[in-house]
Amino acid sequence: MILIIYAHPYPHHSHANKRMLEQARTLEGVEIRSLYQLYPDFNIDIAAEQEALSRADL
């Protein structure tokens, strides 16, 4: 599995990132973790993120 850790405070302003994510979502075996979406209060679940990293091949 390919893991993409995405963190952009203003994703609606980034045309390049929007296009990249649109394309990545069409691929099998790709997981996208949007940190600003998952943790809007900035309290990152470190154990969950480490687990996601350990599952990833790339």
Protein backbone atom coordinates (compact mmCIF):
# COMPACT_ATOMS: atom_id res chain seq x y z
CA MET A 1 0.00 0.00 0.00
CA ILE A 2 1.16 3.52 -0.81
CA LEU A 3 0.50 6.05 1.92
CA ILE A 4 0.16 9.74 1.13
CA ILE A 5 0.27 12.00 4.18
CA TYR A 6 -1.39 15.21 3.08
CA ALA A 7 -1.18 18.39 5.12
CA HIS A 8 -2.19 21.70 3.60
CA PRO A 9 -3.85 24.45 5.66
CA TYR A 10 -5.66 25.90 2.61
CA PRO A 11 -6.24 23.06 0.15
CA HIS A 12 -8.85 25.02 -1.80
CA HIS A 13 -6.07 27.47 -2.78
CA SER A 14 -3.74 24.79 -4.14
CA HIS A 15 -4.59 23.76 -7.69
CA ALA A 16 -1.56 21.47 -7.94
CA ASN A 17 -2.37 19.55 -4.76
CA LYS A 18 -6.03 19.28 -5.74
CA ARG A 19 -5.09 17.69 -9.05
CA MET A 20 -2.56 15.37 -7.42
CA LEU A 21 -5.12 14.12 -4.89
CA GLU A 22 -7.80 13.65 -7.55
CA GLN A 23 -5.44 11.41 -9.50
CA ALA A 24 -4.17 9.54 -6.43
CA ARG A 25 -7.74 8.71 -5.37
CA THR A 26 -8.28 6.82 -8.63
CA LEU A 27 -5.43 4.39 -7.91
CA GLU A 28 -5.83 1.08 -6.14
CA GLY A 29 -3.63 0.53 -3.13
CA VAL A 30 -3.29 4.20 -2.24
CA GLU A 31 -4.36 5.60 1.13
CA ILE A 32 -4.52 9.35 1.64
CA ARG A 33 -4.42 10.67 5.18
CA SER A 34 -5.38 14.34 5.24
CA LEU A 35 -4.05 15.57 8.56
CA TYR A 36 -6.02 18.82 8.57
CA GLN A 37 -9.23 16.86 7.94
CA LEU A 38 -8.46 14.15 10.48
CA TYR A 39 -7.23 16.52 13.17
CA PRO A 40 -8.87 19.95 12.84
CA ASP A 41 -8.05 20.60 16.50
CA PHE A 42 -4.36 19.70 15.87
CA ASN A 43 -4.48 16.86 18.42
CA ILE A 44 -2.84 14.26 16.23
CA ASP A 45 -3.37 10.64 17.20
CA ILE A 46 0.27 9.59 17.10
CA ALA A 47 -0.47 5.89 17.56
CA ALA A 48 -2.94 5.91 14.65
CA GLU A 49 -0.46 7.68 12.40
CA GLN A 50 2.35 5.30 13.35
CA GLU A 51 0.04 2.37 12.61
CA ALA A 52 -0.78 3.80 9.18
CA LEU A 53 2.93 4.20 8.48
CA SER A 54 3.69 0.65 9.57
CA ARG A 55 1.06 -0.72 7.13
CA ALA A 56 2.50 1.19 4.20
CA ASP A 57 4.92 -0.27 1.69
CA LEU A 58 5.80 3.15 0.36
